[in-house]
Every structure is written in C-alpha cells, then in structure tokens.
Amino acid sequence: PVGWFRQFPGKEREFLAGIGWSGGERYYADSVKGR
C-alpha cells in the first residue's frame, strides 16, 4: 500500500490519501475528501 501526505512549515506531516496494493482499500482525509 502507498500513501500521500503533505507538510506545512513547522507542522507534522498530514495524511491525505492511501491506496492498497491492488488499487482497493482507498482512504481519504476528511480535509480533502471530494477534492
């Protein structure tokens, strides 16, 4: 599985989205869901 994160200056890395190895098991952070 692979994930995407982002980091603002001076902040911890924030989870954005993840995907399972086969393309299933996708998860999104509420802050970016829909975008």
PDB file of all heavy atoms in Angstrom:
ATOM      1  N   PRO A   1       0.837  -1.193   0.000  1.00  0.00           N
ATOM      2  CA  PRO A   1       0.000   0.000   0.000  1.00  0.00           C
ATOM      3  C   PRO A   1       0.883   1.258   0.000  1.00  0.00           C
ATOM      4  O   PRO A   1       2.045   1.217   0.433  1.00  0.00           O
ATOM      5  CB  PRO A   1      -0.796  -0.091   1.303  1.00  0.00           C
ATOM      6  CG  PRO A   1      -0.190  -1.168   2.109  1.00  0.00           C
ATOM      7  CD  PRO A   1       0.759  -1.942   1.262  1.00  0.00           C
ATOM      8  N   VAL A   2       0.321   2.340  -0.489  1.00  0.00           N
ATOM      9  CA  VAL A   2       1.058   3.600  -0.607  1.00  0.00           C
ATOM     10  C   VAL A   2       0.165   4.736  -0.135  1.00  0.00           C
ATOM     11  O   VAL A   2      -1.050   4.696  -0.334  1.00  0.00           O
ATOM     12  CB  VAL A   2       1.481   3.836  -2.069  1.00  0.00           C
ATOM     13  CG1 VAL A   2       2.128   5.210  -2.239  1.00  0.00           C
ATOM     14  CG2 VAL A   2       2.450   2.748  -2.522  1.00  0.00           C
ATOM     15  N   GLY A   3       0.790   5.709   0.467  1.00  0.00           N
ATOM     16  CA  GLY A   3       0.033   6.864   0.929  1.00  0.00           C
ATOM     17  C   GLY A   3       0.649   8.166   0.457  1.00  0.00           C
ATOM     18  O   GLY A   3       1.815   8.224   0.061  1.00  0.00           O
ATOM     19  N   TRP A   4      -0.185   9.203   0.478  1.00  0.00           N
ATOM     20  CA  TRP A   4       0.255  10.573   0.213  1.00  0.00           C
ATOM     21  C   TRP A   4       0.027  11.402   1.482  1.00  0.00           C
ATOM     22  O   TRP A   4      -1.033  11.301   2.123  1.00  0.00           O
ATOM     23  CB  TRP A   4      -0.528  11.193  -0.932  1.00  0.00           C
ATOM     24  CG  TRP A   4      -0.081  10.794  -2.301  1.00  0.00           C
ATOM     25  CD1 TRP A   4      -0.586   9.794  -3.078  1.00  0.00           C
ATOM     26  CD2 TRP A   4       0.960  11.410  -3.073  1.00  0.00           C
ATOM     27  NE1 TRP A   4       0.083   9.746  -4.276  1.00  0.00           N
ATOM     28  CE2 TRP A   4       1.033  10.728  -4.302  1.00  0.00           C
ATOM     29  CE3 TRP A   4       1.841  12.475  -2.848  1.00  0.00           C
ATOM     30  CZ2 TRP A   4       1.945  11.071  -5.309  1.00  0.00           C
ATOM     31  CZ3 TRP A   4       2.745  12.819  -3.842  1.00  0.00           C
ATOM     32  CH2 TRP A   4       2.790  12.118  -5.046  1.00  0.00           C
ATOM     33  N   PHE A   5       1.013  12.213   1.781  1.00  0.00           N
ATOM     34  CA  PHE A   5       0.956  13.132   2.912  1.00  0.00           C
ATOM     35  C   PHE A   5       1.356  14.515   2.428  1.00  0.00           C
ATOM     36  O   PHE A   5       1.897  14.669   1.351  1.00  0.00           O
ATOM     37  CB  PHE A   5       1.946  12.699   4.008  1.00  0.00           C
ATOM     38  CG  PHE A   5       1.559  11.466   4.764  1.00  0.00           C
ATOM     39  CD1 PHE A   5       1.603  10.210   4.165  1.00  0.00           C
ATOM     40  CD2 PHE A   5       1.165  11.539   6.089  1.00  0.00           C
ATOM     41  CE1 PHE A   5       1.249   9.061   4.867  1.00  0.00           C
ATOM     42  CE2 PHE A   5       0.811  10.406   6.801  1.00  0.00           C
ATOM     43  CZ  PHE A   5       0.851   9.167   6.186  1.00  0.00           C
ATOM     44  N   ARG A   6       1.107  15.507   3.257  1.00  0.00           N
ATOM     45  CA  ARG A   6       1.640  16.834   2.983  1.00  0.00           C
ATOM     46  C   ARG A   6       2.132  17.423   4.299  1.00  0.00           C
ATOM     47  O   ARG A   6       1.712  17.003   5.384  1.00  0.00           O
ATOM     48  CB  ARG A   6       0.614  17.749   2.329  1.00  0.00           C
ATOM     49  CG  ARG A   6      -0.584  18.101   3.188  1.00  0.00           C
ATOM     50  CD  ARG A   6      -1.563  18.946   2.398  1.00  0.00           C
ATOM     51  NE  ARG A   6      -2.773  19.235   3.159  1.00  0.00           N
ATOM     52  CZ  ARG A   6      -3.842  19.850   2.661  1.00  0.00           C
ATOM     53  NH1 ARG A   6      -3.837  20.245   1.378  1.00  0.00           N
ATOM     54  NH2 ARG A   6      -4.888  20.080   3.416  1.00  0.00           N
ATOM     55  N   GLN A   7       2.998  18.401   4.162  1.00  0.00           N
ATOM     56  CA  GLN A   7       3.575  19.017   5.345  1.00  0.00           C
ATOM     57  C   GLN A   7       3.632  20.529   5.172  1.00  0.00           C
ATOM     58  O   GLN A   7       4.191  21.031   4.185  1.00  0.00           O
ATOM     59  CB  GLN A   7       4.978  18.464   5.621  1.00  0.00           C
ATOM     60  CG  GLN A   7       5.568  18.904   6.942  1.00  0.00           C
ATOM     61  CD  GLN A   7       6.829  18.128   7.288  1.00  0.00           C
ATOM     62  OE1 GLN A   7       7.523  17.609   6.418  1.00  0.00           O
ATOM     63  NE2 GLN A   7       7.131  18.029   8.585  1.00  0.00           N
ATOM     64  N   PHE A   8       3.056  21.226   6.141  1.00  0.00           N
ATOM     65  CA  PHE A   8       3.128  22.676   6.193  1.00  0.00           C
ATOM     66  C   PHE A   8       4.343  23.057   7.026  1.00  0.00           C
ATOM     67  O   PHE A   8       4.774  22.293   7.901  1.00  0.00           O
ATOM     68  CB  PHE A   8       1.864  23.252   6.816  1.00  0.00           C
ATOM     69  CG  PHE A   8       0.604  22.852   6.119  1.00  0.00           C
ATOM     70  CD1 PHE A   8      -0.297  21.977   6.720  1.00  0.00           C
ATOM     71  CD2 PHE A   8       0.297  23.337   4.852  1.00  0.00           C
ATOM     72  CE1 PHE A   8      -1.466  21.594   6.075  1.00  0.00           C
ATOM     73  CE2 PHE A   8      -0.867  22.962   4.201  1.00  0.00           C
ATOM     74  CZ  PHE A   8      -1.738  22.076   4.816  1.00  0.00           C
ATOM     75  N   PRO A   9       4.910  24.241   6.801  1.00  0.00           N
ATOM     76  CA  PRO A   9       6.089  24.654   7.571  1.00  0.00           C
ATOM     77  C   PRO A   9       5.836  24.583   9.073  1.00  0.00           C
ATOM     78  O   PRO A   9       4.841  25.099   9.577  1.00  0.00           O
ATOM     79  CB  PRO A   9       6.318  26.097   7.111  1.00  0.00           C
ATOM     80  CG  PRO A   9       5.741  26.146   5.737  1.00  0.00           C
ATOM     81  CD  PRO A   9       4.555  25.232   5.774  1.00  0.00           C
ATOM     82  N   GLY A  10       6.730  23.916   9.771  1.00  0.00           N
ATOM     83  CA  GLY A  10       6.633  23.833  11.219  1.00  0.00           C
ATOM     84  C   GLY A  10       5.584  22.871  11.740  1.00  0.00           C
ATOM     85  O   GLY A  10       5.317  22.827  12.945  1.00  0.00           O
ATOM     86  N   LYS A  11       4.978  22.097  10.836  1.00  0.00           N
ATOM     87  CA  LYS A  11       3.914  21.173  11.248  1.00  0.00           C
ATOM     88  C   LYS A  11       4.315  19.733  10.961  1.00  0.00           C
ATOM     89  O   LYS A  11       5.238  19.465  10.199  1.00  0.00           O
ATOM     90  CB  LYS A  11       2.622  21.493  10.483  1.00  0.00           C
ATOM     91  CG  LYS A  11       2.099  22.902  10.694  1.00  0.00           C
ATOM     92  CD  LYS A  11       1.535  23.084  12.090  1.00  0.00           C
ATOM     93  CE  LYS A  11       0.858  24.439  12.214  1.00  0.00           C
ATOM     94  NZ  LYS A  11       0.304  24.650  13.578  1.00  0.00           N
ATOM     95  N   GLU A  12       3.589  18.806  11.588  1.00  0.00           N
ATOM     96  CA  GLU A  12       3.772  17.387  11.306  1.00  0.00           C
ATOM     97  C   GLU A  12       3.185  17.057   9.931  1.00  0.00           C
ATOM     98  O   GLU A  12       2.310  17.765   9.428  1.00  0.00           O
ATOM     99  CB  GLU A  12       3.052  16.549  12.364  1.00  0.00           C
ATOM    100  CG  GLU A  12       3.586  16.715  13.777  1.00  0.00           C
ATOM    101  CD  GLU A  12       4.945  16.069  13.935  1.00  0.00           C
ATOM    102  OE1 GLU A  12       5.163  14.991  13.356  1.00  0.00           O
ATOM    103  OE2 GLU A  12       5.796  16.653  14.632  1.00  0.00           O
ATOM    104  N   ARG A  13       3.655  15.958   9.374  1.00  0.00           N
ATOM    105  CA  ARG A  13       3.084  15.519   8.095  1.00  0.00           C
ATOM    106  C   ARG A  13       1.641  15.082   8.309  1.00  0.00           C
ATOM    107  O   ARG A  13       1.320  14.419   9.298  1.00  0.00           O
ATOM    108  CB  ARG A  13       3.920  14.375   7.515  1.00  0.00           C
ATOM    109  CG  ARG A  13       5.256  14.867   7.013  1.00  0.00           C
ATOM    110  CD  ARG A  13       6.080  13.768   6.383  1.00  0.00           C
ATOM    111  NE  ARG A  13       7.400  14.296   6.053  1.00  0.00           N
ATOM    112  CZ  ARG A  13       8.386  13.586   5.542  1.00  0.00           C
ATOM    113  NH1 ARG A  13       8.214  12.304   5.291  1.00  0.00           N
ATOM    114  NH2 ARG A  13       9.541  14.137   5.285  1.00  0.00           N
ATOM    115  N   GLU A  14       0.809  15.437   7.342  1.00  0.00           N
ATOM    116  CA  GLU A  14      -0.631  15.207   7.430  1.00  0.00           C
ATOM    117  C   GLU A  14      -1.042  14.202   6.361  1.00  0.00           C
ATOM    118  O   GLU A  14      -0.733  14.378   5.175  1.00  0.00           O
ATOM    119  CB  GLU A  14      -1.344  16.542   7.204  1.00  0.00           C
ATOM    120  CG  GLU A  14      -2.838  16.488   7.009  1.00  0.00           C
ATOM    121  CD  GLU A  14      -3.392  17.848   6.615  1.00  0.00           C
ATOM    122  OE1 GLU A  14      -3.719  18.642   7.509  1.00  0.00           O
ATOM    123  OE2 GLU A  14      -3.486  18.112   5.399  1.00  0.00           O
ATOM    124  N   PHE A  15      -1.758  13.173   6.789  1.00  0.00           N
ATOM    125  CA  PHE A  15      -2.240  12.159   5.849  1.00  0.00           C
ATOM    126  C   PHE A  15      -3.265  12.772   4.909  1.00  0.00           C
ATOM    127  O   PHE A  15      -4.149  13.530   5.337  1.00  0.00           O
ATOM    128  CB  PHE A  15      -2.861  11.001   6.623  1.00  0.00           C
ATOM    129  CG  PHE A  15      -3.573   9.998   5.761  1.00  0.00           C
ATOM    130  CD1 PHE A  15      -2.862   9.041   5.058  1.00  0.00           C
ATOM    131  CD2 PHE A  15      -4.959  10.022   5.647  1.00  0.00           C
ATOM    132  CE1 PHE A  15      -3.518   8.122   4.266  1.00  0.00           C
ATOM    133  CE2 PHE A  15      -5.620   9.103   4.857  1.00  0.00           C
ATOM    134  CZ  PHE A  15      -4.900   8.143   4.161  1.00  0.00           C
ATOM    135  N   LEU A  16      -3.171  12.404   3.632  1.00  0.00           N
ATOM    136  CA  LEU A  16      -4.133  12.847   2.639  1.00  0.00           C
ATOM    137  C   LEU A  16      -4.934  11.686   2.058  1.00  0.00           C
ATOM    138  O   LEU A  16      -6.152  11.738   1.980  1.00  0.00           O
ATOM    139  CB  LEU A  16      -3.438  13.576   1.497  1.00  0.00           C
ATOM    140  CG  LEU A  16      -2.741  14.877   1.844  1.00  0.00           C
ATOM    141  CD1 LEU A  16      -2.013  15.412   0.613  1.00  0.00           C
ATOM    142  CD2 LEU A  16      -3.727  15.900   2.365  1.00  0.00           C
ATOM    143  N   ALA A  17      -4.208  10.639   1.622  1.00  0.00           N
ATOM    144  CA  ALA A  17      -4.884   9.541   0.938  1.00  0.00           C
ATOM    145  C   ALA A  17      -3.994   8.307   0.960  1.00  0.00           C
ATOM    146  O   ALA A  17      -2.772   8.415   1.013  1.00  0.00           O
ATOM    147  CB  ALA A  17      -5.202   9.925  -0.498  1.00  0.00           C
ATOM    148  N   GLY A  18      -4.630   7.147   0.907  1.00  0.00           N
ATOM    149  CA  GLY A  18      -3.896   5.895   0.839  1.00  0.00           C
ATOM    150  C   GLY A  18      -4.585   4.936  -0.103  1.00  0.00           C
ATOM    151  O   GLY A  18      -5.803   5.035  -0.339  1.00  0.00           O
ATOM    152  N   ILE A  19      -3.811   4.006  -0.641  1.00  0.00           N
ATOM    153  CA  ILE A  19      -4.358   3.030  -1.586  1.00  0.00           C
ATOM    154  C   ILE A  19      -3.704   1.684  -1.345  1.00  0.00           C
ATOM    155  O   ILE A  19      -2.485   1.594  -1.134  1.00  0.00           O
ATOM    156  CB  ILE A  19      -4.152   3.500  -3.037  1.00  0.00           C
ATOM    157  CG1 ILE A  19      -4.867   2.592  -4.030  1.00  0.00           C
ATOM    158  CG2 ILE A  19      -2.671   3.632  -3.379  1.00  0.00           C
ATOM    159  CD1 ILE A  19      -4.952   3.179  -5.444  1.00  0.00           C
ATOM    160  N   GLY A  20      -4.504   0.616  -1.344  1.00  0.00           N
ATOM    161  CA  GLY A  20      -3.983  -0.721  -1.169  1.00  0.00           C
ATOM    162  C   GLY A  20      -3.201  -1.187  -2.388  1.00  0.00           C
ATOM    163  O   GLY A  20      -3.229  -0.551  -3.450  1.00  0.00           O
ATOM    164  N   TRP A  21      -2.532  -2.303  -2.250  1.00  0.00           N
ATOM    165  CA  TRP A  21      -1.628  -2.736  -3.310  1.00  0.00           C
ATOM    166  C   TRP A  21      -2.350  -3.018  -4.622  1.00  0.00           C
ATOM    167  O   TRP A  21      -1.805  -2.798  -5.704  1.00  0.00           O
ATOM    168  CB  TRP A  21      -0.839  -3.978  -2.864  1.00  0.00           C
ATOM    169  CG  TRP A  21      -1.657  -5.240  -2.838  1.00  0.00           C
ATOM    170  CD1 TRP A  21      -2.386  -5.738  -1.807  1.00  0.00           C
ATOM    171  CD2 TRP A  21      -1.836  -6.147  -3.941  1.00  0.00           C
ATOM    172  NE1 TRP A  21      -3.014  -6.890  -2.174  1.00  0.00           N
ATOM    173  CE2 TRP A  21      -2.701  -7.180  -3.478  1.00  0.00           C
ATOM    174  CE3 TRP A  21      -1.357  -6.199  -5.243  1.00  0.00           C
ATOM    175  CZ2 TRP A  21      -3.088  -8.235  -4.290  1.00  0.00           C
ATOM    176  CZ3 TRP A  21      -1.740  -7.245  -6.056  1.00  0.00           C
ATOM    177  CH2 TRP A  21      -2.594  -8.262  -5.577  1.00  0.00           C
ATOM    178  N   SER A  22      -3.586  -3.479  -4.546  1.00  0.00           N
ATOM    179  CA  SER A  22      -4.320  -3.828  -5.757  1.00  0.00           C
ATOM    180  C   SER A  22      -5.174  -2.681  -6.289  1.00  0.00           C
ATOM    181  O   SER A  22      -5.862  -2.839  -7.296  1.00  0.00           O
ATOM    182  CB  SER A  22      -5.230  -5.022  -5.484  1.00  0.00           C
ATOM    183  OG  SER A  22      -6.226  -4.666  -4.537  1.00  0.00           O
ATOM    184  N   GLY A  23      -5.122  -1.547  -5.597  1.00  0.00           N
ATOM    185  CA  GLY A  23      -5.948  -0.422  -6.018  1.00  0.00           C
ATOM    186  C   GLY A  23      -7.202  -0.251  -5.188  1.00  0.00           C
ATOM    187  O   GLY A  23      -7.923   0.745  -5.336  1.00  0.00           O
ATOM    188  N   GLY A  24      -7.475  -1.220  -4.342  1.00  0.00           N
ATOM    189  CA  GLY A  24      -8.617  -1.101  -3.442  1.00  0.00           C
ATOM    190  C   GLY A  24      -8.181  -0.470  -2.130  1.00  0.00           C
ATOM    191  O   GLY A  24      -7.112   0.132  -2.051  1.00  0.00           O
ATOM    192  N   GLU A  25      -9.030  -0.635  -1.114  1.00  0.00           N
ATOM    193  CA  GLU A  25      -8.719  -0.091   0.222  1.00  0.00           C
ATOM    194  C   GLU A  25      -8.192   1.333   0.138  1.00  0.00           C
ATOM    195  O   GLU A  25      -7.115   1.673   0.602  1.00  0.00           O
ATOM    196  CB  GLU A  25      -7.700  -0.953   0.984  1.00  0.00           C
ATOM    197  CG  GLU A  25      -8.240  -2.265   1.460  1.00  0.00           C
ATOM    198  CD  GLU A  25      -7.929  -3.402   0.497  1.00  0.00           C
ATOM    199  OE1 GLU A  25      -7.159  -3.183  -0.452  1.00  0.00           O
ATOM    200  OE2 GLU A  25      -8.466  -4.492   0.699  1.00  0.00           O
ATOM    201  N   ARG A  26      -8.998   2.200  -0.441  1.00  0.00           N
ATOM    202  CA  ARG A  26      -8.626   3.611  -0.559  1.00  0.00           C
ATOM    203  C   ARG A  26      -9.229   4.387   0.609  1.00  0.00           C
ATOM    204  O   ARG A  26     -10.388   4.187   0.974  1.00  0.00           O
ATOM    205  CB  ARG A  26      -9.130   4.203  -1.880  1.00  0.00           C
ATOM    206  CG  ARG A  26      -8.622   3.488  -3.098  1.00  0.00           C
ATOM    207  CD  ARG A  26      -9.009   4.197  -4.368  1.00  0.00           C
ATOM    208  NE  ARG A  26      -8.897   3.318  -5.520  1.00  0.00           N
ATOM    209  CZ  ARG A  26      -8.837   3.726  -6.771  1.00  0.00           C
ATOM    210  NH1 ARG A  26      -8.871   5.031  -7.041  1.00  0.00           N
ATOM    211  NH2 ARG A  26      -8.751   2.869  -7.756  1.00  0.00           N
ATOM    212  N   TYR A  27      -8.412   5.272   1.135  1.00  0.00           N
ATOM    213  CA  TYR A  27      -8.844   6.096   2.257  1.00  0.00           C
ATOM    214  C   TYR A  27      -8.452   7.542   1.979  1.00  0.00           C
ATOM    215  O   TYR A  27      -7.405   7.801   1.372  1.00  0.00           O
ATOM    216  CB  TYR A  27      -8.202   5.627   3.564  1.00  0.00           C
ATOM    217  CG  TYR A  27      -8.478   4.184   3.899  1.00  0.00           C
ATOM    218  CD1 TYR A  27      -7.524   3.205   3.681  1.00  0.00           C
ATOM    219  CD2 TYR A  27      -9.703   3.802   4.426  1.00  0.00           C
ATOM    220  CE1 TYR A  27      -7.772   1.883   3.978  1.00  0.00           C
ATOM    221  CE2 TYR A  27      -9.965   2.474   4.730  1.00  0.00           C
ATOM    222  CZ  TYR A  27      -8.995   1.512   4.500  1.00  0.00           C
ATOM    223  OH  TYR A  27      -9.248   0.201   4.807  1.00  0.00           O
ATOM    224  N   TYR A  28      -9.288   8.456   2.450  1.00  0.00           N
ATOM    225  CA  TYR A  28      -9.029   9.875   2.253  1.00  0.00           C
ATOM    226  C   TYR A  28      -9.226  10.625   3.565  1.00  0.00           C
ATOM    227  O   TYR A  28     -10.123  10.301   4.351  1.00  0.00           O
ATOM    228  CB  TYR A  28      -9.968  10.460   1.198  1.00  0.00           C
ATOM    229  CG  TYR A  28      -9.786   9.870  -0.175  1.00  0.00           C
ATOM    230  CD1 TYR A  28     -10.615   8.843  -0.631  1.00  0.00           C
ATOM    231  CD2 TYR A  28      -8.781  10.336  -1.024  1.00  0.00           C
ATOM    232  CE1 TYR A  28     -10.433   8.290  -1.893  1.00  0.00           C
ATOM    233  CE2 TYR A  28      -8.607   9.798  -2.285  1.00  0.00           C
ATOM    234  CZ  TYR A  28      -9.436   8.767  -2.704  1.00  0.00           C
ATOM    235  OH  TYR A  28      -9.255   8.229  -3.960  1.00  0.00           O
ATOM    236  N   ALA A  29      -8.408  11.636   3.757  1.00  0.00           N
ATOM    237  CA  ALA A  29      -8.604  12.502   4.911  1.00  0.00           C
ATOM    238  C   ALA A  29      -9.858  13.342   4.704  1.00  0.00           C
ATOM    239  O   ALA A  29     -10.152  13.762   3.576  1.00  0.00           O
ATOM    240  CB  ALA A  29      -7.398  13.411   5.097  1.00  0.00           C
ATOM    241  N   ASP A  30     -10.568  13.592   5.765  1.00  0.00           N
ATOM    242  CA  ASP A  30     -11.793  14.395   5.669  1.00  0.00           C
ATOM    243  C   ASP A  30     -11.494  15.783   5.101  1.00  0.00           C
ATOM    244  O   ASP A  30     -12.336  16.357   4.406  1.00  0.00           O
ATOM    245  CB  ASP A  30     -12.437  14.532   7.048  1.00  0.00           C
ATOM    246  CG  ASP A  30     -13.079  13.241   7.523  1.00  0.00           C
ATOM    247  OD1 ASP A  30     -13.339  12.354   6.690  1.00  0.00           O
ATOM    248  OD2 ASP A  30     -13.313  13.128   8.749  1.00  0.00           O
ATOM    249  N   SER A  31     -10.308  16.294   5.400  1.00  0.00           N
ATOM    250  CA  SER A  31      -9.967  17.654   4.982  1.00  0.00           C
ATOM    251  C   SER A  31      -9.877  17.808   3.473  1.00  0.00           C
ATOM    252  O   SER A  31      -9.990  18.923   2.955  1.00  0.00           O
ATOM    253  CB  SER A  31      -8.650  18.081   5.626  1.00  0.00           C
ATOM    254  OG  SER A  31      -7.593  17.215   5.233  1.00  0.00           O
ATOM    255  N   VAL A  32      -9.674  16.724   2.749  1.00  0.00           N
ATOM    256  CA  VAL A  32      -9.516  16.819   1.302  1.00  0.00           C
ATOM    257  C   VAL A  32     -10.486  15.914   0.545  1.00  0.00           C
ATOM    258  O   VAL A  32     -10.477  15.888  -0.695  1.00  0.00           O
ATOM    259  CB  VAL A  32      -8.075  16.484   0.869  1.00  0.00           C
ATOM    260  CG1 VAL A  32      -7.109  17.526   1.407  1.00  0.00           C
ATOM    261  CG2 VAL A  32      -7.693  15.074   1.309  1.00  0.00           C
ATOM    262  N   LYS A  33     -11.322  15.185   1.270  1.00  0.00           N
ATOM    263  CA  LYS A  33     -12.240  14.258   0.620  1.00  0.00           C
ATOM    264  C   LYS A  33     -13.128  15.006  -0.366  1.00  0.00           C
ATOM    265  O   LYS A  33     -13.653  16.078  -0.066  1.00  0.00           O
ATOM    266  CB  LYS A  33     -13.092  13.550   1.668  1.00  0.00           C
ATOM    267  CG  LYS A  33     -13.869  12.358   1.156  1.00  0.00           C
ATOM    268  CD  LYS A  33     -14.570  11.639   2.300  1.00  0.00           C
ATOM    269  CE  LYS A  33     -13.576  10.951   3.213  1.00  0.00           C
ATOM    270  NZ  LYS A  33     -14.239  10.168   4.278  1.00  0.00           N
ATOM    271  N   GLY A  34     -13.267  14.440  -1.538  1.00  0.00           N
ATOM    272  CA  GLY A  34     -14.052  15.076  -2.590  1.00  0.00           C
ATOM    273  C   GLY A  34     -13.208  15.910  -3.530  1.00  0.00           C
ATOM    274  O   GLY A  34     -13.657  16.255  -4.625  1.00  0.00           O
ATOM    275  N   ARG A  35     -11.999  16.248  -3.106  1.00  0.00           N
ATOM    276  CA  ARG A  35     -11.118  17.050  -3.960  1.00  0.00           C
ATOM    277  C   ARG A  35      -9.910  16.266  -4.446  1.00  0.00           C
ATOM    278  O   ARG A  35      -9.220  16.736  -5.367  1.00  0.00           O
ATOM    279  CB  ARG A  35     -10.616  18.296  -3.209  1.00  0.00           C
ATOM    280  CG  ARG A  35     -11.695  19.286  -2.857  1.00  0.00           C
ATOM    281  CD  ARG A  35     -11.100  20.639  -2.524  1.00  0.00           C
ATOM    282  NE  ARG A  35     -10.222  20.600  -1.370  1.00  0.00           N
ATOM    283  CZ  ARG A  35      -8.955  21.004  -1.378  1.00  0.00           C
ATOM    284  NH1 ARG A  35      -8.403  21.444  -2.493  1.00  0.00           N
ATOM    285  NH2 ARG A  35      -8.237  20.972  -0.275  1.00  0.00           N
TER     286      ARG A  35
END
